Amino acid sequence: MEENKDLDLRAEELALKEEELMKRVEELNKKEEKLNKIEAKFVGAKHSIYQHIDVSLSTMDKVVSAIAIVLVAVIIYAVIAK
């Protein structure tokens, strides 16, 4: 009798844990879907901007990186010169 009660308690605990895990999986799937949508928007925006300029994507990435580096250098120079 006591063993049956212990088994019933364990089965209930396992069922509760399984339900909790299923909720977590569902939440993670929702978050992953949201992140995928955001990533798709970003990549789409990047390609739509680059399609107007006739250079490769990697070349444009290098140009944007160089401009960002120059901008940071100018800001640092302005702070130091102040």
PDB file of N, CA and C in Angstrom:
ATOM      1  N   MET A   1       0.799  -1.191   0.000  1.00  0.00           N
ATOM      2  CA  MET A   1       0.000   0.000   0.000  1.00  0.00           C
ATOM      3  C   MET A   1       0.847   1.262   0.000  1.00  0.00           C
ATOM      4  N   GLU A   2       1.816   1.249   0.879  1.00  0.00           N
ATOM      5  CA  GLU A   2       2.673   2.428   0.983  1.00  0.00           C
ATOM      6  C   GLU A   2       3.469   2.645  -0.309  1.00  0.00           C
ATOM      7  N   GLU A   3       3.892   1.567  -0.924  1.00  0.00           N
ATOM      8  CA  GLU A   3       4.627   1.669  -2.180  1.00  0.00           C
ATOM      9  C   GLU A   3       3.752   2.248  -3.274  1.00  0.00           C
ATOM     10  N   ASN A   4       2.488   1.887  -3.294  1.00  0.00           N
ATOM     11  CA  ASN A   4       1.561   2.433  -4.286  1.00  0.00           C
ATOM     12  C   ASN A   4       1.385   3.930  -4.101  1.00  0.00           C
ATOM     13  N   LYS A   5       1.312   4.362  -2.832  1.00  0.00           N
ATOM     14  CA  LYS A   5       1.185   5.801  -2.558  1.00  0.00           C
ATOM     15  C   LYS A   5       2.428   6.541  -3.030  1.00  0.00           C
ATOM     16  N   ASP A   6       3.601   5.959  -2.748  1.00  0.00           N
ATOM     17  CA  ASP A   6       4.858   6.570  -3.178  1.00  0.00           C
ATOM     18  C   ASP A   6       4.920   6.655  -4.704  1.00  0.00           C
ATOM     19  N   LEU A   7       4.493   5.590  -5.365  1.00  0.00           N
ATOM     20  CA  LEU A   7       4.494   5.593  -6.825  1.00  0.00           C
ATOM     21  C   LEU A   7       3.516   6.609  -7.376  1.00  0.00           C
ATOM     22  N   ASP A   8       2.356   6.739  -6.727  1.00  0.00           N
ATOM     23  CA  ASP A   8       1.371   7.731  -7.167  1.00  0.00           C
ATOM     24  C   ASP A   8       1.920   9.145  -7.003  1.00  0.00           C
ATOM     25  N   LEU A   9       2.602   9.383  -5.867  1.00  0.00           N
ATOM     26  CA  LEU A   9       3.193  10.703  -5.633  1.00  0.00           C
ATOM     27  C   LEU A   9       4.275  11.006  -6.666  1.00  0.00           C
ATOM     28  N   ARG A  10       5.080  10.023  -6.949  1.00  0.00           N
ATOM     29  CA  ARG A  10       6.136  10.216  -7.943  1.00  0.00           C
ATOM     30  C   ARG A  10       5.537  10.466  -9.320  1.00  0.00           C
ATOM     31  N   ALA A  11       4.490   9.748  -9.648  1.00  0.00           N
ATOM     32  CA  ALA A  11       3.832   9.939 -10.945  1.00  0.00           C
ATOM     33  C   ALA A  11       3.242  11.338 -11.043  1.00  0.00           C
ATOM     34  N   GLU A  12       2.646  11.810  -9.935  1.00  0.00           N
ATOM     35  CA  GLU A  12       2.099  13.175  -9.916  1.00  0.00           C
ATOM     36  C   GLU A  12       3.212  14.203 -10.070  1.00  0.00           C
ATOM     37  N   GLU A  13       4.309  14.001  -9.349  1.00  0.00           N
ATOM     38  CA  GLU A  13       5.447  14.922  -9.453  1.00  0.00           C
ATOM     39  C   GLU A  13       5.996  14.947 -10.870  1.00  0.00           C
ATOM     40  N   LEU A  14       6.116  13.779 -11.462  1.00  0.00           N
ATOM     41  CA  LEU A  14       6.616  13.709 -12.834  1.00  0.00           C
ATOM     42  C   LEU A  14       5.664  14.401 -13.801  1.00  0.00           C
ATOM     43  N   ALA A  15       4.366  14.235 -13.585  1.00  0.00           N
ATOM     44  CA  ALA A  15       3.386  14.887 -14.453  1.00  0.00           C
ATOM     45  C   ALA A  15       3.479  16.398 -14.327  1.00  0.00           C
ATOM     46  N   LEU A  16       3.649  16.889 -13.091  1.00  0.00           N
ATOM     47  CA  LEU A  16       3.788  18.337 -12.878  1.00  0.00           C
ATOM     48  C   LEU A  16       5.065  18.867 -13.528  1.00  0.00           C
ATOM     49  N   LYS A  17       6.143  18.135 -13.372  1.00  0.00           N
ATOM     50  CA  LYS A  17       7.406  18.554 -13.984  1.00  0.00           C
ATOM     51  C   LYS A  17       7.309  18.541 -15.500  1.00  0.00           C
ATOM     52  N   GLU A  18       6.646  17.534 -16.035  1.00  0.00           N
ATOM     53  CA  GLU A  18       6.469  17.463 -17.485  1.00  0.00           C
ATOM     54  C   GLU A  18       5.645  18.632 -17.992  1.00  0.00           C
ATOM     55  N   GLU A  19       4.595  18.973 -17.267  1.00  0.00           N
ATOM     56  CA  GLU A  19       3.758  20.123 -17.650  1.00  0.00           C
ATOM     57  C   GLU A  19       4.557  21.413 -17.612  1.00  0.00           C
ATOM     58  N   GLU A  20       5.374  21.565 -16.555  1.00  0.00           N
ATOM     59  CA  GLU A  20       6.213  22.761 -16.434  1.00  0.00           C
ATOM     60  C   GLU A  20       7.219  22.838 -17.576  1.00  0.00           C
ATOM     61  N   LEU A  21       7.823  21.715 -17.914  1.00  0.00           N
ATOM     62  CA  LEU A  21       8.786  21.682 -19.010  1.00  0.00           C
ATOM     63  C   LEU A  21       8.123  22.006 -20.344  1.00  0.00           C
ATOM     64  N   MET A  22       6.920  21.519 -20.542  1.00  0.00           N
ATOM     65  CA  MET A  22       6.201  21.801 -21.784  1.00  0.00           C
ATOM     66  C   MET A  22       5.896  23.294 -21.905  1.00  0.00           C
ATOM     67  N   LYS A  23       5.556  23.922 -20.776  1.00  0.00           N
ATOM     68  CA  LYS A  23       5.317  25.372 -20.779  1.00  0.00           C
ATOM     69  C   LYS A  23       6.601  26.116 -21.136  1.00  0.00           C
ATOM     70  N   ARG A  24       7.712  25.679 -20.559  1.00  0.00           N
ATOM     71  CA  ARG A  24       8.995  26.319 -20.854  1.00  0.00           C
ATOM     72  C   ARG A  24       9.369  26.159 -22.319  1.00  0.00           C
ATOM     73  N   VAL A  25       9.139  24.968 -22.856  1.00  0.00           N
ATOM     74  CA  VAL A  25       9.439  24.721 -24.275  1.00  0.00           C
ATOM     75  C   VAL A  25       8.584  25.627 -25.149  1.00  0.00           C
ATOM     76  N   GLU A  26       7.321  25.775 -24.795  1.00  0.00           N
ATOM     77  CA  GLU A  26       6.431  26.636 -25.563  1.00  0.00           C
ATOM     78  C   GLU A  26       6.902  28.090 -25.515  1.00  0.00           C
ATOM     79  N   GLU A  27       7.305  28.549 -24.333  1.00  0.00           N
ATOM     80  CA  GLU A  27       7.821  29.915 -24.196  1.00  0.00           C
ATOM     81  C   GLU A  27       9.093  30.099 -25.024  1.00  0.00           C
ATOM     82  N   LEU A  28       9.980  29.130 -24.973  1.00  0.00           N
ATOM     83  CA  LEU A  28      11.219  29.222 -25.746  1.00  0.00           C
ATOM     84  C   LEU A  28      10.937  29.238 -27.242  1.00  0.00           C
ATOM     85  N   ASN A  29       9.976  28.443 -27.685  1.00  0.00           N
ATOM     86  CA  ASN A  29       9.614  28.446 -29.103  1.00  0.00           C
ATOM     87  C   ASN A  29       9.067  29.795 -29.532  1.00  0.00           C
ATOM     88  N   LYS A  30       8.262  30.419 -28.668  1.00  0.00           N
ATOM     89  CA  LYS A  30       7.732  31.748 -28.977  1.00  0.00           C
ATOM     90  C   LYS A  30       8.865  32.774 -29.077  1.00  0.00           C
ATOM     91  N   LYS A  31       9.804  32.709 -28.134  1.00  0.00           N
ATOM     92  CA  LYS A  31      10.936  33.637 -28.149  1.00  0.00           C
ATOM     93  C   LYS A  31      11.795  33.424 -29.386  1.00  0.00           C
ATOM     94  N   GLU A  32      12.017  32.165 -29.750  1.00  0.00           N
ATOM     95  CA  GLU A  32      12.816  31.869 -30.941  1.00  0.00           C
ATOM     96  C   GLU A  32      12.126  32.397 -32.193  1.00  0.00           C
ATOM     97  N   GLU A  33      10.833  32.238 -32.269  1.00  0.00           N
ATOM     98  CA  GLU A  33      10.082  32.738 -33.420  1.00  0.00           C
ATOM     99  C   GLU A  33      10.172  34.258 -33.505  1.00  0.00           C
ATOM    100  N   LYS A  34      10.072  34.910 -32.362  1.00  0.00           N
ATOM    101  CA  LYS A  34      10.174  36.370 -32.321  1.00  0.00           C
ATOM    102  C   LYS A  34      11.558  36.829 -32.792  1.00  0.00           C
ATOM    103  N   LEU A  35      12.610  36.165 -32.299  1.00  0.00           N
ATOM    104  CA  LEU A  35      13.970  36.510 -32.711  1.00  0.00           C
ATOM    105  C   LEU A  35      14.189  36.269 -34.205  1.00  0.00           C
ATOM    106  N   ASN A  36      13.627  35.191 -34.724  1.00  0.00           N
ATOM    107  CA  ASN A  36      13.752  34.913 -36.154  1.00  0.00           C
ATOM    108  C   ASN A  36      13.080  35.991 -36.993  1.00  0.00           C
ATOM    109  N   LYS A  37      11.938  36.487 -36.530  1.00  0.00           N
ATOM    110  CA  LYS A  37      11.255  37.569 -37.255  1.00  0.00           C
ATOM    111  C   LYS A  37      12.090  38.843 -37.246  1.00  0.00           C
ATOM    112  N   ILE A  38      12.682  39.154 -36.089  1.00  0.00           N
ATOM    113  CA  ILE A  38      13.520  40.352 -35.986  1.00  0.00           C
ATOM    114  C   ILE A  38      14.740  40.225 -36.891  1.00  0.00           C
ATOM    115  N   GLU A  39      15.355  39.053 -36.874  1.00  0.00           N
ATOM    116  CA  GLU A  39      16.529  38.819 -37.722  1.00  0.00           C
ATOM    117  C   GLU A  39      16.165  38.937 -39.202  1.00  0.00           C
ATOM    118  N   ALA A  40      15.017  38.404 -39.576  1.00  0.00           N
ATOM    119  CA  ALA A  40      14.585  38.476 -40.971  1.00  0.00           C
ATOM    120  C   ALA A  40      14.369  39.927 -41.396  1.00  0.00           C
ATOM    121  N   LYS A  41      13.807  40.734 -40.511  1.00  0.00           N
ATOM    122  CA  LYS A  41      13.612  42.153 -40.827  1.00  0.00           C
ATOM    123  C   LYS A  41      14.955  42.854 -41.018  1.00  0.00           C
ATOM    124  N   PHE A  42      15.916  42.548 -40.122  1.00  0.00           N
ATOM    125  CA  PHE A  42      17.222  43.185 -40.203  1.00  0.00           C
ATOM    126  C   PHE A  42      17.942  42.807 -41.493  1.00  0.00           C
ATOM    127  N   VAL A  43      17.961  41.526 -41.796  1.00  0.00           N
ATOM    128  CA  VAL A  43      18.634  41.055 -43.006  1.00  0.00           C
ATOM    129  C   VAL A  43      17.932  41.611 -44.236  1.00  0.00           C
ATOM    130  N   GLY A  44      16.616  41.651 -44.206  1.00  0.00           N
ATOM    131  CA  GLY A  44      15.865  42.214 -45.333  1.00  0.00           C
ATOM    132  C   GLY A  44      16.176  43.687 -45.542  1.00  0.00           C
ATOM    133  N   ALA A  45      16.267  44.436 -44.455  1.00  0.00           N
ATOM    134  CA  ALA A  45      16.589  45.861 -44.556  1.00  0.00           C
ATOM    135  C   ALA A  45      17.999  46.058 -45.102  1.00  0.00           C
ATOM    136  N   LYS A  46      18.907  45.240 -44.643  1.00  0.00           N
ATOM    137  CA  LYS A  46      20.294  45.330 -45.100  1.00  0.00           C
ATOM    138  C   LYS A  46      20.382  45.077 -46.604  1.00  0.00           C
ATOM    139  N   HIS A  47      19.707  44.051 -47.074  1.00  0.00           N
ATOM    140  CA  HIS A  47      19.748  43.738 -48.502  1.00  0.00           C
ATOM    141  C   HIS A  47      19.019  44.783 -49.333  1.00  0.00           C
ATOM    142  N   SER A  48      17.936  45.344 -48.813  1.00  0.00           N
ATOM    143  CA  SER A  48      17.214  46.352 -49.582  1.00  0.00           C
ATOM    144  C   SER A  48      18.031  47.640 -49.701  1.00  0.00           C
ATOM    145  N   ILE A  49      18.809  47.951 -48.686  1.00  0.00           N
ATOM    146  CA  ILE A  49      19.674  49.140 -48.770  1.00  0.00           C
ATOM    147  C   ILE A  49      20.799  48.889 -49.768  1.00  0.00           C
ATOM    148  N   TYR A  50      21.391  47.698 -49.706  1.00  0.00           N
ATOM    149  CA  TYR A  50      22.539  47.391 -50.550  1.00  0.00           C
ATOM    150  C   TYR A  50      22.153  47.141 -52.005  1.00  0.00           C
ATOM    151  N   GLN A  51      20.916  46.843 -52.296  1.00  0.00           N
ATOM    152  CA  GLN A  51      20.548  46.537 -53.678  1.00  0.00           C
ATOM    153  C   GLN A  51      20.587  47.769 -54.572  1.00  0.00           C
ATOM    154  N   HIS A  52      20.562  48.954 -53.995  1.00  0.00           N
ATOM    155  CA  HIS A  52      20.611  50.173 -54.787  1.00  0.00           C
ATOM    156  C   HIS A  52      22.040  50.533 -55.201  1.00  0.00           C
ATOM    157  N   ILE A  53      23.008  49.935 -54.573  1.00  0.00           N
ATOM    158  CA  ILE A  53      24.413  50.200 -54.880  1.00  0.00           C
ATOM    159  C   ILE A  53      24.983  48.932 -55.507  1.00  0.00           C
ATOM    160  N   ASP A  54      25.679  49.088 -56.606  1.00  0.00           N
ATOM    161  CA  ASP A  54      26.129  47.931 -57.378  1.00  0.00           C
ATOM    162  C   ASP A  54      27.508  47.443 -56.920  1.00  0.00           C
ATOM    163  N   VAL A  55      27.580  46.940 -55.695  1.00  0.00           N
ATOM    164  CA  VAL A  55      28.785  46.306 -55.167  1.00  0.00           C
ATOM    165  C   VAL A  55      28.362  45.059 -54.403  1.00  0.00           C
ATOM    166  N   SER A  56      29.309  44.201 -54.110  1.00  0.00           N
ATOM    167  CA  SER A  56      28.969  42.977 -53.386  1.00  0.00           C
ATOM    168  C   SER A  56      28.643  43.285 -51.924  1.00  0.00           C
ATOM    169  N   LEU A  57      27.972  42.368 -51.294  1.00  0.00           N
ATOM    170  CA  LEU A  57      27.565  42.541 -49.908  1.00  0.00           C
ATOM    171  C   LEU A  57      28.774  42.636 -48.982  1.00  0.00           C
ATOM    172  N   SER A  58      29.788  41.825 -49.226  1.00  0.00           N
ATOM    173  CA  SER A  58      30.976  41.857 -48.365  1.00  0.00           C
ATOM    174  C   SER A  58      31.734  43.174 -48.522  1.00  0.00           C
ATOM    175  N   THR A  59      31.782  43.701 -49.748  1.00  0.00           N
ATOM    176  CA  THR A  59      32.441  44.988 -49.962  1.00  0.00           C
ATOM    177  C   THR A  59      31.701  46.096 -49.233  1.00  0.00           C
ATOM    178  N   MET A  60      30.370  46.070 -49.298  1.00  0.00           N
ATOM    179  CA  MET A  60      29.595  47.101 -48.619  1.00  0.00           C
ATOM    180  C   MET A  60      29.749  46.976 -47.103  1.00  0.00           C
ATOM    181  N   ASP A  61      29.847  45.763 -46.597  1.00  0.00           N
ATOM    182  CA  ASP A  61      30.086  45.573 -45.165  1.00  0.00           C
ATOM    183  C   ASP A  61      31.411  46.198 -44.758  1.00  0.00           C
ATOM    184  N   LYS A  62      32.425  46.033 -45.592  1.00  0.00           N
ATOM    185  CA  LYS A  62      33.735  46.630 -45.307  1.00  0.00           C
ATOM    186  C   LYS A  62      33.649  48.152 -45.331  1.00  0.00           C
ATOM    187  N   VAL A  63      32.907  48.707 -46.283  1.00  0.00           N
ATOM    188  CA  VAL A  63      32.756  50.166 -46.379  1.00  0.00           C
ATOM    189  C   VAL A  63      32.052  50.703 -45.141  1.00  0.00           C
ATOM    190  N   VAL A  64      30.974  50.039 -44.740  1.00  0.00           N
ATOM    191  CA  VAL A  64      30.235  50.482 -43.557  1.00  0.00           C
ATOM    192  C   VAL A  64      31.116  50.370 -42.310  1.00  0.00           C
ATOM    193  N   SER A  65      31.890  49.312 -42.200  1.00  0.00           N
ATOM    194  CA  SER A  65      32.795  49.153 -41.060  1.00  0.00           C
ATOM    195  C   SER A  65      33.839  50.262 -41.041  1.00  0.00           C
ATOM    196  N   ALA A  66      34.403  50.592 -42.188  1.00  0.00           N
ATOM    197  CA  ALA A  66      35.409  51.658 -42.276  1.00  0.00           C
ATOM    198  C   ALA A  66      34.803  52.996 -41.877  1.00  0.00           C
ATOM    199  N   ILE A  67      33.599  53.269 -42.330  1.00  0.00           N
ATOM    200  CA  ILE A  67      32.936  54.529 -41.966  1.00  0.00           C
ATOM    201  C   ILE A  67      32.695  54.574 -40.459  1.00  0.00           C
ATOM    202  N   ALA A  68      32.278  53.462 -39.875  1.00  0.00           N
ATOM    203  CA  ALA A  68      32.045  53.416 -38.430  1.00  0.00           C
ATOM    204  C   ALA A  68      33.341  53.655 -37.663  1.00  0.00           C
ATOM    205  N   ILE A  69      34.443  53.069 -38.128  1.00  0.00           N
ATOM    206  CA  ILE A  69      35.738  53.253 -37.465  1.00  0.00           C
ATOM    207  C   ILE A  69      36.174  54.716 -37.547  1.00  0.00           C
ATOM    208  N   VAL A  70      35.993  55.316 -38.704  1.00  0.00           N
ATOM    209  CA  VAL A  70      36.356  56.729 -38.870  1.00  0.00           C
ATOM    210  C   VAL A  70      35.495  57.594 -37.959  1.00  0.00           C
ATOM    211  N   LEU A  71      34.212  57.301 -37.868  1.00  0.00           N
ATOM    212  CA  LEU A  71      33.319  58.066 -37.009  1.00  0.00           C
ATOM    213  C   LEU A  71      33.749  57.971 -35.549  1.00  0.00           C
ATOM    214  N   VAL A  72      34.082  56.786 -35.091  1.00  0.00           N
ATOM    215  CA  VAL A  72      34.536  56.601 -33.708  1.00  0.00           C
ATOM    216  C   VAL A  72      35.847  57.348 -33.483  1.00  0.00           C
ATOM    217  N   ALA A  73      36.760  57.293 -34.453  1.00  0.00           N
ATOM    218  CA  ALA A  73      38.037  58.003 -34.316  1.00  0.00           C
ATOM    219  C   ALA A  73      37.827  59.501 -34.229  1.00  0.00           C
ATOM    220  N   VAL A  74      36.913  60.040 -35.024  1.00  0.00           N
ATOM    221  CA  VAL A  74      36.629  61.478 -34.991  1.00  0.00           C
ATOM    222  C   VAL A  74      36.015  61.876 -33.653  1.00  0.00           C
ATOM    223  N   ILE A  75      35.140  61.053 -33.136  1.00  0.00           N
ATOM    224  CA  ILE A  75      34.523  61.355 -31.836  1.00  0.00           C
ATOM    225  C   ILE A  75      35.575  61.321 -30.737  1.00  0.00           C
ATOM    226  N   ILE A  76      36.455  60.349 -30.757  1.00  0.00           N
ATOM    227  CA  ILE A  76      37.536  60.279 -29.769  1.00  0.00           C
ATOM    228  C   ILE A  76      38.452  61.497 -29.884  1.00  0.00           C
ATOM    229  N   TYR A  77      38.799  61.869 -31.110  1.00  0.00           N
ATOM    230  CA  TYR A  77      39.654  63.047 -31.330  1.00  0.00           C
ATOM    231  C   TYR A  77      38.961  64.304 -30.795  1.00  0.00           C
ATOM    232  N   ALA A  78      37.659  64.437 -31.032  1.00  0.00           N
ATOM    233  CA  ALA A  78      36.929  65.613 -30.566  1.00  0.00           C
ATOM    234  C   ALA A  78      36.917  65.671 -29.029  1.00  0.00           C
ATOM    235  N   VAL A  79      36.771  64.537 -28.396  1.00  0.00           N
ATOM    236  CA  VAL A  79      36.758  64.512 -26.926  1.00  0.00           C
ATOM    237  C   VAL A  79      38.140  64.869 -26.379  1.00  0.00           C
ATOM    238  N   ILE A  80      39.187  64.339 -26.999  1.00  0.00           N
ATOM    239  CA  ILE A  80      40.537  64.627 -26.541  1.00  0.00           C
ATOM    240  C   ILE A  80      40.914  66.088 -26.825  1.00  0.00           C
ATOM    241  N   ALA A  81      40.560  66.598 -27.977  1.00  0.00           N
ATOM    242  CA  ALA A  81      40.913  67.971 -28.345  1.00  0.00           C
ATOM    243  C   ALA A  81      40.148  69.006 -27.525  1.00  0.00           C
ATOM    244  N   LYS A  82      39.068  68.615 -26.976  1.00  0.00           N
ATOM    245  CA  LYS A  82      38.249  69.534 -26.193  1.00  0.00           C
ATOM    246  C   LYS A  82      39.013  69.924 -24.969  1.00  0.00           C
TER     247      LYS A  82
END
